[in-house]
Amino acid sequence: MTVGSQLKQTLACLKGVQGTLRVYSTQSREEEVGNVFNEALGTTSEVISDLENRLKKIE
């Protein structure tokens, strides 16, 4: 498996995680819990952006 294909696979998984975090943040009844999910969502967004930039460089 090439580095590019591994990056694509990782990005797909992270985007799935991102979707799950969105659902959890929406469904959480406690504001603090929702904030934690939103913070994690922001972190995953940054990681996804970094990996997409890296993928552009190696392709």
PDB file of N, CA and C in Angstrom:
ATOM      1  N   MET A   1       0.847  -1.174   0.000  1.00  0.00           N
ATOM      2  CA  MET A   1       0.000   0.000   0.000  1.00  0.00           C
ATOM      3  C   MET A   1       0.896   1.241   0.000  1.00  0.00           C
ATOM      4  N   THR A   2       0.596   2.155  -0.899  1.00  0.00           N
ATOM      5  CA  THR A   2       1.422   3.357  -1.001  1.00  0.00           C
ATOM      6  C   THR A   2       1.039   4.379   0.072  1.00  0.00           C
ATOM      7  N   VAL A   3       1.916   5.337   0.256  1.00  0.00           N
ATOM      8  CA  VAL A   3       1.663   6.395   1.233  1.00  0.00           C
ATOM      9  C   VAL A   3       0.397   7.164   0.858  1.00  0.00           C
ATOM     10  N   GLY A   4       0.234   7.432  -0.430  1.00  0.00           N
ATOM     11  CA  GLY A   4      -0.956   8.160  -0.887  1.00  0.00           C
ATOM     12  C   GLY A   4      -2.238   7.419  -0.573  1.00  0.00           C
ATOM     13  N   SER A   5      -2.244   6.122  -0.816  1.00  0.00           N
ATOM     14  CA  SER A   5      -3.458   5.350  -0.534  1.00  0.00           C
ATOM     15  C   SER A   5      -3.709   5.238   0.965  1.00  0.00           C
ATOM     16  N   GLN A   6      -2.640   5.174   1.750  1.00  0.00           N
ATOM     17  CA  GLN A   6      -2.804   5.155   3.207  1.00  0.00           C
ATOM     18  C   GLN A   6      -3.384   6.481   3.703  1.00  0.00           C
ATOM     19  N   LEU A   7      -2.904   7.575   3.126  1.00  0.00           N
ATOM     20  CA  LEU A   7      -3.438   8.889   3.495  1.00  0.00           C
ATOM     21  C   LEU A   7      -4.917   8.998   3.140  1.00  0.00           C
ATOM     22  N   LYS A   8      -5.287   8.510   1.965  1.00  0.00           N
ATOM     23  CA  LYS A   8      -6.688   8.554   1.548  1.00  0.00           C
ATOM     24  C   LYS A   8      -7.559   7.726   2.485  1.00  0.00           C
ATOM     25  N   GLN A   9      -7.061   6.569   2.872  1.00  0.00           N
ATOM     26  CA  GLN A   9      -7.803   5.712   3.788  1.00  0.00           C
ATOM     27  C   GLN A   9      -7.955   6.390   5.154  1.00  0.00           C
ATOM     28  N   THR A  10      -6.886   6.997   5.631  1.00  0.00           N
ATOM     29  CA  THR A  10      -6.929   7.700   6.913  1.00  0.00           C
ATOM     30  C   THR A  10      -7.897   8.874   6.854  1.00  0.00           C
ATOM     31  N   LEU A  11      -7.881   9.615   5.752  1.00  0.00           N
ATOM     32  CA  LEU A  11      -8.805  10.736   5.593  1.00  0.00           C
ATOM     33  C   LEU A  11     -10.254  10.264   5.603  1.00  0.00           C
ATOM     34  N   ALA A  12     -10.524   9.163   4.933  1.00  0.00           N
ATOM     35  CA  ALA A  12     -11.888   8.628   4.916  1.00  0.00           C
ATOM     36  C   ALA A  12     -12.342   8.255   6.324  1.00  0.00           C
ATOM     37  N   CYS A  13     -11.470   7.629   7.084  1.00  0.00           N
ATOM     38  CA  CYS A  13     -11.802   7.259   8.469  1.00  0.00           C
ATOM     39  C   CYS A  13     -12.034   8.497   9.323  1.00  0.00           C
ATOM     40  N   LEU A  14     -11.170   9.486   9.183  1.00  0.00           N
ATOM     41  CA  LEU A  14     -11.310  10.713   9.971  1.00  0.00           C
ATOM     42  C   LEU A  14     -12.592  11.464   9.632  1.00  0.00           C
ATOM     43  N   LYS A  15     -12.980  11.444   8.372  1.00  0.00           N
ATOM     44  CA  LYS A  15     -14.229  12.103   7.992  1.00  0.00           C
ATOM     45  C   LYS A  15     -15.424  11.365   8.590  1.00  0.00           C
ATOM     46  N   GLY A  16     -15.318  10.051   8.711  1.00  0.00           N
ATOM     47  CA  GLY A  16     -16.355   9.283   9.393  1.00  0.00           C
ATOM     48  C   GLY A  16     -16.427   9.632  10.868  1.00  0.00           C
ATOM     49  N   VAL A  17     -15.270   9.753  11.487  1.00  0.00           N
ATOM     50  CA  VAL A  17     -15.204  10.154  12.899  1.00  0.00           C
ATOM     51  C   VAL A  17     -15.809  11.544  13.065  1.00  0.00           C
ATOM     52  N   GLN A  18     -15.506  12.421  12.139  1.00  0.00           N
ATOM     53  CA  GLN A  18     -16.023  13.781  12.186  1.00  0.00           C
ATOM     54  C   GLN A  18     -17.560  13.779  12.142  1.00  0.00           C
ATOM     55  N   GLY A  19     -18.120  12.952  11.294  1.00  0.00           N
ATOM     56  CA  GLY A  19     -19.576  12.843  11.220  1.00  0.00           C
ATOM     57  C   GLY A  19     -20.174  12.343  12.523  1.00  0.00           C
ATOM     58  N   THR A  20     -19.518  11.362  13.124  1.00  0.00           N
ATOM     59  CA  THR A  20     -19.984  10.830  14.403  1.00  0.00           C
ATOM     60  C   THR A  20     -19.918  11.893  15.491  1.00  0.00           C
ATOM     61  N   LEU A  21     -18.842  12.651  15.520  1.00  0.00           N
ATOM     62  CA  LEU A  21     -18.712  13.722  16.511  1.00  0.00           C
ATOM     63  C   LEU A  21     -19.801  14.779  16.340  1.00  0.00           C
ATOM     64  N   ARG A  22     -20.148  15.081  15.089  1.00  0.00           N
ATOM     65  CA  ARG A  22     -21.228  16.046  14.840  1.00  0.00           C
ATOM     66  C   ARG A  22     -22.546  15.545  15.426  1.00  0.00           C
ATOM     67  N   VAL A  23     -22.824  14.266  15.202  1.00  0.00           N
ATOM     68  CA  VAL A  23     -24.059  13.677  15.731  1.00  0.00           C
ATOM     69  C   VAL A  23     -24.057  13.734  17.251  1.00  0.00           C
ATOM     70  N   TYR A  24     -22.951  13.331  17.857  1.00  0.00           N
ATOM     71  CA  TYR A  24     -22.871  13.330  19.319  1.00  0.00           C
ATOM     72  C   TYR A  24     -23.011  14.737  19.893  1.00  0.00           C
ATOM     73  N   SER A  25     -22.394  15.713  19.248  1.00  0.00           N
ATOM     74  CA  SER A  25     -22.480  17.080  19.771  1.00  0.00           C
ATOM     75  C   SER A  25     -23.905  17.609  19.663  1.00  0.00           C
ATOM     76  N   THR A  26     -24.612  17.212  18.624  1.00  0.00           N
ATOM     77  CA  THR A  26     -25.995  17.643  18.450  1.00  0.00           C
ATOM     78  C   THR A  26     -26.922  16.958  19.445  1.00  0.00           C
ATOM     79  N   GLN A  27     -26.655  15.694  19.722  1.00  0.00           N
ATOM     80  CA  GLN A  27     -27.538  14.914  20.585  1.00  0.00           C
ATOM     81  C   GLN A  27     -27.255  15.075  22.070  1.00  0.00           C
ATOM     82  N   SER A  28     -26.119  15.639  22.412  1.00  0.00           N
ATOM     83  CA  SER A  28     -25.781  15.749  23.834  1.00  0.00           C
ATOM     84  C   SER A  28     -26.722  16.731  24.522  1.00  0.00           C
ATOM     85  N   ARG A  29     -27.136  16.358  25.703  1.00  0.00           N
ATOM     86  CA  ARG A  29     -28.093  17.177  26.453  1.00  0.00           C
ATOM     87  C   ARG A  29     -27.393  18.193  27.347  1.00  0.00           C
ATOM     88  N   GLU A  30     -26.174  17.884  27.714  1.00  0.00           N
ATOM     89  CA  GLU A  30     -25.419  18.796  28.573  1.00  0.00           C
ATOM     90  C   GLU A  30     -24.533  19.683  27.703  1.00  0.00           C
ATOM     91  N   GLU A  31     -24.556  20.959  27.994  1.00  0.00           N
ATOM     92  CA  GLU A  31     -23.792  21.920  27.193  1.00  0.00           C
ATOM     93  C   GLU A  31     -22.294  21.633  27.242  1.00  0.00           C
ATOM     94  N   GLU A  32     -21.792  21.287  28.410  1.00  0.00           N
ATOM     95  CA  GLU A  32     -20.358  21.017  28.561  1.00  0.00           C
ATOM     96  C   GLU A  32     -19.931  19.827  27.704  1.00  0.00           C
ATOM     97  N   VAL A  33     -20.763  18.802  27.674  1.00  0.00           N
ATOM     98  CA  VAL A  33     -20.455  17.620  26.859  1.00  0.00           C
ATOM     99  C   VAL A  33     -20.462  17.997  25.382  1.00  0.00           C
ATOM    100  N   GLY A  34     -21.448  18.784  24.978  1.00  0.00           N
ATOM    101  CA  GLY A  34     -21.503  19.248  23.593  1.00  0.00           C
ATOM    102  C   GLY A  34     -20.276  20.054  23.222  1.00  0.00           C
ATOM    103  N   ASN A  35     -19.810  20.867  24.164  1.00  0.00           N
ATOM    104  CA  ASN A  35     -18.602  21.665  23.913  1.00  0.00           C
ATOM    105  C   ASN A  35     -17.374  20.786  23.722  1.00  0.00           C
ATOM    106  N   VAL A  36     -17.294  19.705  24.487  1.00  0.00           N
ATOM    107  CA  VAL A  36     -16.161  18.778  24.346  1.00  0.00           C
ATOM    108  C   VAL A  36     -16.188  18.140  22.960  1.00  0.00           C
ATOM    109  N   PHE A  37     -17.372  17.710  22.524  1.00  0.00           N
ATOM    110  CA  PHE A  37     -17.478  17.121  21.185  1.00  0.00           C
ATOM    111  C   PHE A  37     -17.140  18.146  20.110  1.00  0.00           C
ATOM    112  N   ASN A  38     -17.579  19.376  20.288  1.00  0.00           N
ATOM    113  CA  ASN A  38     -17.261  20.425  19.312  1.00  0.00           C
ATOM    114  C   ASN A  38     -15.766  20.723  19.268  1.00  0.00           C
ATOM    115  N   GLU A  39     -15.121  20.681  20.415  1.00  0.00           N
ATOM    116  CA  GLU A  39     -13.669  20.884  20.449  1.00  0.00           C
ATOM    117  C   GLU A  39     -12.955  19.751  19.711  1.00  0.00           C
ATOM    118  N   ALA A  40     -13.407  18.533  19.939  1.00  0.00           N
ATOM    119  CA  ALA A  40     -12.823  17.384  19.234  1.00  0.00           C
ATOM    120  C   ALA A  40     -13.083  17.497  17.736  1.00  0.00           C
ATOM    121  N   LEU A  41     -14.239  18.007  17.384  1.00  0.00           N
ATOM    122  CA  LEU A  41     -14.576  18.212  15.979  1.00  0.00           C
ATOM    123  C   LEU A  41     -13.622  19.219  15.337  1.00  0.00           C
ATOM    124  N   GLY A  42     -13.317  20.281  16.057  1.00  0.00           N
ATOM    125  CA  GLY A  42     -12.365  21.269  15.553  1.00  0.00           C
ATOM    126  C   GLY A  42     -10.976  20.687  15.363  1.00  0.00           C
ATOM    127  N   THR A  43     -10.566  19.860  16.306  1.00  0.00           N
ATOM    128  CA  THR A  43      -9.250  19.222  16.213  1.00  0.00           C
ATOM    129  C   THR A  43      -9.182  18.290  15.010  1.00  0.00           C
ATOM    130  N   THR A  44     -10.226  17.483  14.822  1.00  0.00           N
ATOM    131  CA  THR A  44     -10.219  16.573  13.673  1.00  0.00           C
ATOM    132  C   THR A  44     -10.255  17.351  12.364  1.00  0.00           C
ATOM    133  N   SER A  45     -10.938  18.481  12.354  1.00  0.00           N
ATOM    134  CA  SER A  45     -10.965  19.312  11.144  1.00  0.00           C
ATOM    135  C   SER A  45      -9.567  19.811  10.790  1.00  0.00           C
ATOM    136  N   GLU A  46      -8.813  20.204  11.798  1.00  0.00           N
ATOM    137  CA  GLU A  46      -7.438  20.655  11.568  1.00  0.00           C
ATOM    138  C   GLU A  46      -6.572  19.517  11.031  1.00  0.00           C
ATOM    139  N   VAL A  47      -6.717  18.342  11.611  1.00  0.00           N
ATOM    140  CA  VAL A  47      -5.929  17.186  11.170  1.00  0.00           C
ATOM    141  C   VAL A  47      -6.297  16.825   9.734  1.00  0.00           C
ATOM    142  N   ILE A  48      -7.589  16.829   9.429  1.00  0.00           N
ATOM    143  CA  ILE A  48      -8.038  16.521   8.070  1.00  0.00           C
ATOM    144  C   ILE A  48      -7.453  17.527   7.084  1.00  0.00           C
ATOM    145  N   SER A  49      -7.495  18.785   7.431  1.00  0.00           N
ATOM    146  CA  SER A  49      -6.944  19.821   6.555  1.00  0.00           C
ATOM    147  C   SER A  49      -5.448  19.610   6.316  1.00  0.00           C
ATOM    148  N   ASP A  50      -4.719  19.321   7.379  1.00  0.00           N
ATOM    149  CA  ASP A  50      -3.276  19.070   7.255  1.00  0.00           C
ATOM    150  C   ASP A  50      -2.995  17.866   6.357  1.00  0.00           C
ATOM    151  N   LEU A  51      -3.755  16.797   6.549  1.00  0.00           N
ATOM    152  CA  LEU A  51      -3.533  15.594   5.746  1.00  0.00           C
ATOM    153  C   LEU A  51      -3.921  15.814   4.288  1.00  0.00           C
ATOM    154  N   GLU A  52      -4.979  16.585   4.035  1.00  0.00           N
ATOM    155  CA  GLU A  52      -5.357  16.890   2.655  1.00  0.00           C
ATOM    156  C   GLU A  52      -4.262  17.700   1.966  1.00  0.00           C
ATOM    157  N   ASN A  53      -3.659  18.633   2.689  1.00  0.00           N
ATOM    158  CA  ASN A  53      -2.546  19.404   2.120  1.00  0.00           C
ATOM    159  C   ASN A  53      -1.349  18.509   1.835  1.00  0.00           C
ATOM    160  N   ARG A  54      -1.074  17.596   2.732  1.00  0.00           N
ATOM    161  CA  ARG A  54       0.031  16.666   2.524  1.00  0.00           C
ATOM    162  C   ARG A  54      -0.236  15.775   1.312  1.00  0.00           C
ATOM    163  N   LEU A  55      -1.477  15.331   1.171  1.00  0.00           N
ATOM    164  CA  LEU A  55      -1.839  14.480   0.041  1.00  0.00           C
ATOM    165  C   LEU A  55      -1.639  15.219  -1.280  1.00  0.00           C
ATOM    166  N   LYS A  56      -1.993  16.497  -1.318  1.00  0.00           N
ATOM    167  CA  LYS A  56      -1.803  17.302  -2.532  1.00  0.00           C
ATOM    168  C   LYS A  56      -0.328  17.379  -2.911  1.00  0.00           C
ATOM    169  N   LYS A  57       0.536  17.451  -1.909  1.00  0.00           N
ATOM    170  CA  LYS A  57       1.969  17.572  -2.180  1.00  0.00           C
ATOM    171  C   LYS A  57       2.567  16.284  -2.734  1.00  0.00           C
ATOM    172  N   ILE A  58       2.053  15.144  -2.293  1.00  0.00           N
ATOM    173  CA  ILE A  58       2.675  13.892  -2.733  1.00  0.00           C
ATOM    174  C   ILE A  58       2.059  13.335  -4.010  1.00  0.00           C
ATOM    175  N   GLU A  59       0.929  13.883  -4.428  1.00  0.00           N
ATOM    176  CA  GLU A  59       0.317  13.374  -5.666  1.00  0.00           C
ATOM    177  C   GLU A  59       0.858  14.069  -6.883  1.00  0.00           C
TER     178      GLU A  59
END
